[in-house]
PDB file of N, CA and C in Angstrom:
ATOM      1  N   MET A   1      27.129  27.909 -16.259  1.00  0.00           N
ATOM      2  CA  MET A   1      26.076  26.606 -15.264  1.00  0.00           C
ATOM      3  C   MET A   1      27.500  26.175 -14.158  1.00  0.00           C
ATOM      4  N   LYS A   2      27.305  26.594 -12.833  1.00  0.00           N
ATOM      5  CA  LYS A   2      27.449  25.922 -11.867  1.00  0.00           C
ATOM      6  C   LYS A   2      27.135  25.208 -11.606  1.00  0.00           C
ATOM      7  N   ILE A   3      28.303  23.770 -11.154  1.00  0.00           N
ATOM      8  CA  ILE A   3      27.620  22.443  -9.997  1.00  0.00           C
ATOM      9  C   ILE A   3      28.547  22.914  -8.737  1.00  0.00           C
ATOM     10  N   SER A   4      27.724  22.141  -7.552  1.00  0.00           N
ATOM     11  CA  SER A   4      28.341  21.935  -6.474  1.00  0.00           C
ATOM     12  C   SER A   4      29.392  21.160  -6.551  1.00  0.00           C
ATOM     13  N   ASN A   5      30.575  21.296  -5.395  1.00  0.00           N
ATOM     14  CA  ASN A   5      31.408  20.157  -5.325  1.00  0.00           C
ATOM     15  C   ASN A   5      30.215  18.867  -5.034  1.00  0.00           C
ATOM     16  N   LYS A   6      28.855  19.064  -4.072  1.00  0.00           N
ATOM     17  CA  LYS A   6      28.543  17.159  -3.970  1.00  0.00           C
ATOM     18  C   LYS A   6      28.465  17.347  -5.144  1.00  0.00           C
ATOM     19  N   GLU A   7      27.511  17.841  -6.659  1.00  0.00           N
ATOM     20  CA  GLU A   7      27.222  17.467  -8.015  1.00  0.00           C
ATOM     21  C   GLU A   7      28.103  16.647  -8.557  1.00  0.00           C
ATOM     22  N   TYR A   8      29.256  18.144  -8.343  1.00  0.00           N
ATOM     23  CA  TYR A   8      31.308  16.930  -9.063  1.00  0.00           C
ATOM     24  C   TYR A   8      31.302  16.268  -8.143  1.00  0.00           C
ATOM     25  N   ASP A   9      31.378  15.903  -7.560  1.00  0.00           N
ATOM     26  CA  ASP A   9      31.840  14.620  -6.686  1.00  0.00           C
ATOM     27  C   ASP A   9      31.165  13.137  -6.921  1.00  0.00           C
ATOM     28  N   PHE A  10      29.371  13.294  -7.352  1.00  0.00           N
ATOM     29  CA  PHE A  10      28.957  12.149  -7.306  1.00  0.00           C
ATOM     30  C   PHE A  10      29.395  12.000  -8.834  1.00  0.00           C
ATOM     31  N   LEU A  11      29.469  13.175 -10.092  1.00  0.00           N
ATOM     32  CA  LEU A  11      29.744  12.940 -11.139  1.00  0.00           C
ATOM     33  C   LEU A  11      31.146  12.228 -11.396  1.00  0.00           C
ATOM     34  N   LYS A  12      32.087  12.673 -10.966  1.00  0.00           N
ATOM     35  CA  LYS A  12      33.036  11.834 -10.917  1.00  0.00           C
ATOM     36  C   LYS A  12      33.429  10.624 -10.089  1.00  0.00           C
ATOM     37  N   ASP A  13      32.494  10.188  -8.883  1.00  0.00           N
ATOM     38  CA  ASP A  13      32.358   8.519  -8.811  1.00  0.00           C
ATOM     39  C   ASP A  13      31.858   7.564  -9.766  1.00  0.00           C
ATOM     40  N   LEU A  14      30.886   8.068 -10.276  1.00  0.00           N
ATOM     41  CA  LEU A  14      29.625   7.860 -11.317  1.00  0.00           C
ATOM     42  C   LEU A  14      30.751   7.289 -12.854  1.00  0.00           C
ATOM     43  N   ALA A  15      31.057   8.314 -12.832  1.00  0.00           N
ATOM     44  CA  ALA A  15      31.992   8.033 -13.999  1.00  0.00           C
ATOM     45  C   ALA A  15      33.280   7.123 -14.435  1.00  0.00           C
ATOM     46  N   LEU A  16      33.681   7.775 -12.971  1.00  0.00           N
ATOM     47  CA  LEU A  16      35.561   6.120 -12.278  1.00  0.00           C
ATOM     48  C   LEU A  16      35.117   5.739 -12.225  1.00  0.00           C
ATOM     49  N   CYS A  17      33.809   5.232 -11.206  1.00  0.00           N
ATOM     50  CA  CYS A  17      34.642   4.005 -10.863  1.00  0.00           C
ATOM     51  C   CYS A  17      32.966   3.216 -10.475  1.00  0.00           C
ATOM     52  N   TRP A  18      31.833   3.612 -10.178  1.00  0.00           N
ATOM     53  CA  TRP A  18      30.057   3.202 -10.532  1.00  0.00           C
ATOM     54  C   TRP A  18      29.728   2.626 -11.835  1.00  0.00           C
ATOM     55  N   PHE A  19      30.044   3.510 -12.088  1.00  0.00           N
ATOM     56  CA  PHE A  19      29.852   3.051 -13.918  1.00  0.00           C
ATOM     57  C   PHE A  19      30.422   1.685 -15.101  1.00  0.00           C
ATOM     58  N   PRO A  20      31.721   2.029 -14.865  1.00  0.00           N
ATOM     59  CA  PRO A  20      32.499   1.892 -15.329  1.00  0.00           C
ATOM     60  C   PRO A  20      32.078  -0.424 -14.033  1.00  0.00           C
ATOM     61  N   ALA A  21      32.614  -0.334 -13.158  1.00  0.00           N
ATOM     62  CA  ALA A  21      31.827  -1.375 -12.616  1.00  0.00           C
ATOM     63  C   ALA A  21      30.667  -2.266 -13.054  1.00  0.00           C
ATOM     64  N   LEU A  22      29.598  -1.311 -13.511  1.00  0.00           N
ATOM     65  CA  LEU A  22      28.405  -1.532 -14.180  1.00  0.00           C
ATOM     66  C   LEU A  22      28.504  -2.122 -15.498  1.00  0.00           C
ATOM     67  N   MET A  23      29.616  -2.054 -15.851  1.00  0.00           N
ATOM     68  CA  MET A  23      29.304  -1.928 -17.688  1.00  0.00           C
ATOM     69  C   MET A  23      30.244  -3.570 -17.678  1.00  0.00           C
ATOM     70  N   THR A  24      31.186  -3.531 -16.819  1.00  0.00           N
ATOM     71  CA  THR A  24      31.877  -4.849 -16.520  1.00  0.00           C
ATOM     72  C   THR A  24      30.620  -5.618 -16.086  1.00  0.00           C
ATOM     73  N   PHE A  25      30.238  -5.945 -15.276  1.00  0.00           N
ATOM     74  CA  PHE A  25      28.788  -6.816 -14.773  1.00  0.00           C
ATOM     75  C   PHE A  25      27.814  -6.717 -15.980  1.00  0.00           C
ATOM     76  N   ILE A  26      27.509  -5.970 -17.036  1.00  0.00           N
ATOM     77  CA  ILE A  26      26.618  -6.555 -17.344  1.00  0.00           C
ATOM     78  C   ILE A  26      26.959  -7.403 -18.479  1.00  0.00           C
ATOM     79  N   GLY A  27      28.563  -6.669 -18.968  1.00  0.00           N
ATOM     80  CA  GLY A  27      29.704  -7.340 -20.344  1.00  0.00           C
ATOM     81  C   GLY A  27      29.433  -8.937 -20.176  1.00  0.00           C
ATOM     82  N   VAL A  28      29.335  -9.134 -18.002  1.00  0.00           N
ATOM     83  CA  VAL A  28      29.746 -10.601 -17.840  1.00  0.00           C
ATOM     84  C   VAL A  28      28.529 -11.374 -18.145  1.00  0.00           C
ATOM     85  N   VAL A  29      27.581 -10.885 -17.651  1.00  0.00           N
ATOM     86  CA  VAL A  29      26.223 -11.324 -17.834  1.00  0.00           C
ATOM     87  C   VAL A  29      25.910 -11.562 -18.534  1.00  0.00           C
ATOM     88  N   MET A  30      25.556 -10.625 -19.886  1.00  0.00           N
ATOM     89  CA  MET A  30      25.495 -10.976 -21.432  1.00  0.00           C
ATOM     90  C   MET A  30      26.641 -11.891 -21.916  1.00  0.00           C
ATOM     91  N   VAL A  31      27.714 -12.004 -21.536  1.00  0.00           N
ATOM     92  CA  VAL A  31      28.418 -12.460 -22.399  1.00  0.00           C
ATOM     93  C   VAL A  31      27.738 -14.047 -22.134  1.00  0.00           C
ATOM     94  N   THR A  32      28.115 -14.551 -20.660  1.00  0.00           N
ATOM     95  CA  THR A  32      27.801 -15.770 -20.168  1.00  0.00           C
ATOM     96  C   THR A  32      26.751 -16.632 -20.558  1.00  0.00           C
ATOM     97  N   TRP A  33      25.122 -16.005 -20.597  1.00  0.00           N
ATOM     98  CA  TRP A  33      24.043 -16.095 -20.437  1.00  0.00           C
ATOM     99  C   TRP A  33      23.943 -16.148 -22.429  1.00  0.00           C
ATOM    100  N   GLU A  34      24.710 -15.556 -23.088  1.00  0.00           N
ATOM    101  CA  GLU A  34      24.352 -15.551 -24.339  1.00  0.00           C
ATOM    102  C   GLU A  34      23.182 -14.435 -25.131  1.00  0.00           C
ATOM    103  N   ILE A  35      23.477 -13.774 -24.348  1.00  0.00           N
ATOM    104  CA  ILE A  35      22.155 -12.595 -25.066  1.00  0.00           C
ATOM    105  C   ILE A  35      22.784 -11.788 -26.145  1.00  0.00           C
ATOM    106  N   PRO A  36      21.619 -11.779 -26.721  1.00  0.00           N
ATOM    107  CA  PRO A  36      21.934 -11.091 -28.577  1.00  0.00           C
ATOM    108  C   PRO A  36      22.331  -9.667 -28.225  1.00  0.00           C
ATOM    109  N   TYR A  37      23.293  -8.297 -28.517  1.00  0.00           N
ATOM    110  CA  TYR A  37      23.169  -7.404 -29.063  1.00  0.00           C
ATOM    111  C   TYR A  37      24.254  -7.043 -27.353  1.00  0.00           C
ATOM    112  N   THR A  38      25.515  -8.098 -27.335  1.00  0.00           N
ATOM    113  CA  THR A  38      26.229  -7.158 -26.296  1.00  0.00           C
ATOM    114  C   THR A  38      27.279  -6.135 -26.410  1.00  0.00           C
ATOM    115  N   ASP A  39      27.276  -6.713 -27.677  1.00  0.00           N
ATOM    116  CA  ASP A  39      28.581  -6.118 -28.162  1.00  0.00           C
ATOM    117  C   ASP A  39      28.037  -4.320 -28.401  1.00  0.00           C
ATOM    118  N   GLN A  40      26.542  -4.283 -29.050  1.00  0.00           N
ATOM    119  CA  GLN A  40      26.299  -3.369 -29.349  1.00  0.00           C
ATOM    120  C   GLN A  40      25.667  -2.582 -27.704  1.00  0.00           C
ATOM    121  N   VAL A  41      25.143  -2.989 -26.764  1.00  0.00           N
ATOM    122  CA  VAL A  41      24.268  -2.521 -25.268  1.00  0.00           C
ATOM    123  C   VAL A  41      26.276  -2.254 -24.538  1.00  0.00           C
ATOM    124  N   LEU A  42      27.456  -2.351 -25.027  1.00  0.00           N
ATOM    125  CA  LEU A  42      28.610  -2.647 -24.234  1.00  0.00           C
ATOM    126  C   LEU A  42      29.080  -0.673 -25.211  1.00  0.00           C
ATOM    127  N   ALA A  43      29.089  -0.791 -25.836  1.00  0.00           N
ATOM    128  CA  ALA A  43      29.433  -0.260 -26.977  1.00  0.00           C
ATOM    129  C   ALA A  43      28.692   1.687 -26.734  1.00  0.00           C
ATOM    130  N   THR A  44      27.368   1.364 -26.528  1.00  0.00           N
ATOM    131  CA  THR A  44      27.175   2.329 -25.946  1.00  0.00           C
ATOM    132  C   THR A  44      26.783   3.043 -24.800  1.00  0.00           C
ATOM    133  N   MET A  45      27.193   2.074 -23.769  1.00  0.00           N
ATOM    134  CA  MET A  45      27.445   2.364 -22.773  1.00  0.00           C
ATOM    135  C   MET A  45      29.166   2.699 -22.518  1.00  0.00           C
ATOM    136  N   ALA A  46      29.848   2.327 -23.386  1.00  0.00           N
ATOM    137  CA  ALA A  46      31.772   2.797 -23.222  1.00  0.00           C
ATOM    138  C   ALA A  46      31.117   4.047 -23.604  1.00  0.00           C
ATOM    139  N   GLY A  47      30.644   4.281 -24.726  1.00  0.00           N
ATOM    140  CA  GLY A  47      30.201   6.159 -25.006  1.00  0.00           C
ATOM    141  C   GLY A  47      29.674   6.876 -24.201  1.00  0.00           C
ATOM    142  N   LEU A  48      28.855   6.548 -23.667  1.00  0.00           N
ATOM    143  CA  LEU A  48      27.887   7.263 -22.435  1.00  0.00           C
ATOM    144  C   LEU A  48      29.023   7.324 -21.729  1.00  0.00           C
ATOM    145  N   ASN A  49      29.499   6.727 -20.926  1.00  0.00           N
ATOM    146  CA  ASN A  49      30.615   6.975 -19.876  1.00  0.00           C
ATOM    147  C   ASN A  49      32.073   6.856 -20.311  1.00  0.00           C
ATOM    148  N   THR A  50      32.597   7.444 -21.720  1.00  0.00           N
ATOM    149  CA  THR A  50      33.463   8.727 -22.672  1.00  0.00           C
ATOM    150  C   THR A  50      32.842  10.063 -21.963  1.00  0.00           C
ATOM    151  N   PHE A  51      31.608  10.431 -22.958  1.00  0.00           N
ATOM    152  CA  PHE A  51      30.947  11.481 -22.246  1.00  0.00           C
ATOM    153  C   PHE A  51      30.804  12.127 -20.942  1.00  0.00           C
ATOM    154  N   MET A  52      30.653  10.891 -19.767  1.00  0.00           N
ATOM    155  CA  MET A  52      30.364  11.588 -18.485  1.00  0.00           C
ATOM    156  C   MET A  52      31.916  11.914 -18.219  1.00  0.00           C
ATOM    157  N   GLY A  53      33.065  11.452 -18.406  1.00  0.00           N
ATOM    158  CA  GLY A  53      34.522  11.288 -18.376  1.00  0.00           C
ATOM    159  C   GLY A  53      34.389  13.085 -18.737  1.00  0.00           C
ATOM    160  N   ALA A  54      34.268  13.161 -20.139  1.00  0.00           N
ATOM    161  CA  ALA A  54      34.528  14.558 -20.589  1.00  0.00           C
ATOM    162  C   ALA A  54      33.769  15.925 -19.774  1.00  0.00           C
ATOM    163  N   VAL A  55      32.721  15.515 -19.221  1.00  0.00           N
ATOM    164  CA  VAL A  55      31.447  16.468 -19.304  1.00  0.00           C
ATOM    165  C   VAL A  55      32.595  16.200 -17.087  1.00  0.00           C
ATOM    166  N   VAL A  56      32.938  15.980 -16.254  1.00  0.00           N
ATOM    167  CA  VAL A  56      33.541  16.035 -15.660  1.00  0.00           C
ATOM    168  C   VAL A  56      35.167  16.285 -15.545  1.00  0.00           C
ATOM    169  N   LYS A  57      35.765  16.479 -16.724  1.00  0.00           N
ATOM    170  CA  LYS A  57      37.060  17.500 -17.091  1.00  0.00           C
ATOM    171  C   LYS A  57      36.697  18.994 -17.143  1.00  0.00           C
ATOM    172  N   TYR A  58      35.580  18.975 -18.475  1.00  0.00           N
ATOM    173  CA  TYR A  58      35.022  20.301 -18.258  1.00  0.00           C
ATOM    174  C   TYR A  58      34.749  20.855 -17.350  1.00  0.00           C
ATOM    175  N   TYR A  59      34.195  20.478 -15.962  1.00  0.00           N
ATOM    176  CA  TYR A  59      33.790  21.127 -14.948  1.00  0.00           C
ATOM    177  C   TYR A  59      35.351  21.632 -13.913  1.00  0.00           C
ATOM    178  N   LYS A  60      36.347  20.659 -14.337  1.00  0.00           N
ATOM    179  CA  LYS A  60      37.406  20.793 -12.945  1.00  0.00           C
ATOM    180  C   LYS A  60      38.249  21.625 -14.294  1.00  0.00           C
ATOM    181  N   ALA A  61      38.137  21.407 -15.156  1.00  0.00           N
ATOM    182  CA  ALA A  61      38.810  22.664 -16.303  1.00  0.00           C
ATOM    183  C   ALA A  61      38.374  24.388 -15.708  1.00  0.00           C
ATOM    184  N   LYS A  62      37.222  23.973 -15.374  1.00  0.00           N
ATOM    185  CA  LYS A  62      36.137  25.693 -15.269  1.00  0.00           C
ATOM    186  C   LYS A  62      36.621  25.937 -13.935  1.00  0.00           C
ATOM    187  N   TYR A  63      36.644  25.020 -12.317  1.00  0.00           N
ATOM    188  CA  TYR A  63      36.429  25.052 -11.118  1.00  0.00           C
ATOM    189  C   TYR A  63      38.313  25.807 -11.354  1.00  0.00           C
ATOM    190  N   ASP A  64      39.562  24.938 -12.164  1.00  0.00           N
ATOM    191  CA  ASP A  64      40.202  25.230 -12.207  1.00  0.00           C
ATOM    192  C   ASP A  64      40.930  26.646 -12.503  1.00  0.00           C
ATOM    193  N   LYS A  65      40.294  26.942 -13.473  1.00  0.00           N
ATOM    194  CA  LYS A  65      40.244  28.769 -13.969  1.00  0.00           C
ATOM    195  C   LYS A  65      40.134  29.292 -12.937  1.00  0.00           C
ATOM    196  N   GLU A  66      38.912  28.848 -12.334  1.00  0.00           N
ATOM    197  CA  GLU A  66      37.986  29.991 -11.456  1.00  0.00           C
ATOM    198  C   GLU A  66      38.917  30.323 -10.190  1.00  0.00           C
ATOM    199  N   GLN A  67      39.729  29.056  -9.794  1.00  0.00           N
ATOM    200  CA  GLN A  67      40.623  29.639  -8.848  1.00  0.00           C
ATOM    201  C   GLN A  67      41.757  29.875  -9.135  1.00  0.00           C
ATOM    202  N   GLU A  68      42.531  29.735  -9.800  1.00  0.00           N
ATOM    203  CA  GLU A  68      43.349  30.504 -10.427  1.00  0.00           C
ATOM    204  C   GLU A  68      42.855  32.095 -10.707  1.00  0.00           C
ATOM    205  N   GLU A  69      42.333  32.297 -11.232  1.00  0.00           N
ATOM    206  CA  GLU A  69      41.499  33.866 -11.447  1.00  0.00           C
ATOM    207  C   GLU A  69      41.362  34.583  -9.503  1.00  0.00           C
ATOM    208  N   ASP A  70      40.659  33.732  -8.645  1.00  0.00           N
ATOM    209  CA  ASP A  70      40.789  34.174  -7.839  1.00  0.00           C
ATOM    210  C   ASP A  70      41.992  34.226  -7.006  1.00  0.00           C
ATOM    211  N   GLU A  71      43.098  33.429  -6.904  1.00  0.00           N
ATOM    212  CA  GLU A  71      44.251  34.151  -6.652  1.00  0.00           C
ATOM    213  C   GLU A  71      44.722  34.628  -7.306  1.00  0.00           C
ATOM    214  N   SER A  72      44.587  35.242  -8.184  1.00  0.00           N
ATOM    215  CA  SER A  72      45.125  36.867  -8.917  1.00  0.00           C
ATOM    216  C   SER A  72      44.598  38.291  -8.282  1.00  0.00           C
TER     217      SER A  72
END
């Protein structure tokens, strides 16, 4: 499966900026309001963010390999 530059940039921005910011906001709100299951929610979100980072890394490595092959 190949993704476009626009899709890659979106995933990268989501994984590196927006999702961690959302996690921080949700964590602060849940702790402030003493909402139950805060740890479980944040652990789940951290796992999802780690997975998104792995997907971004996979597509970056795939793109770099294709570029290397094209230069040869």
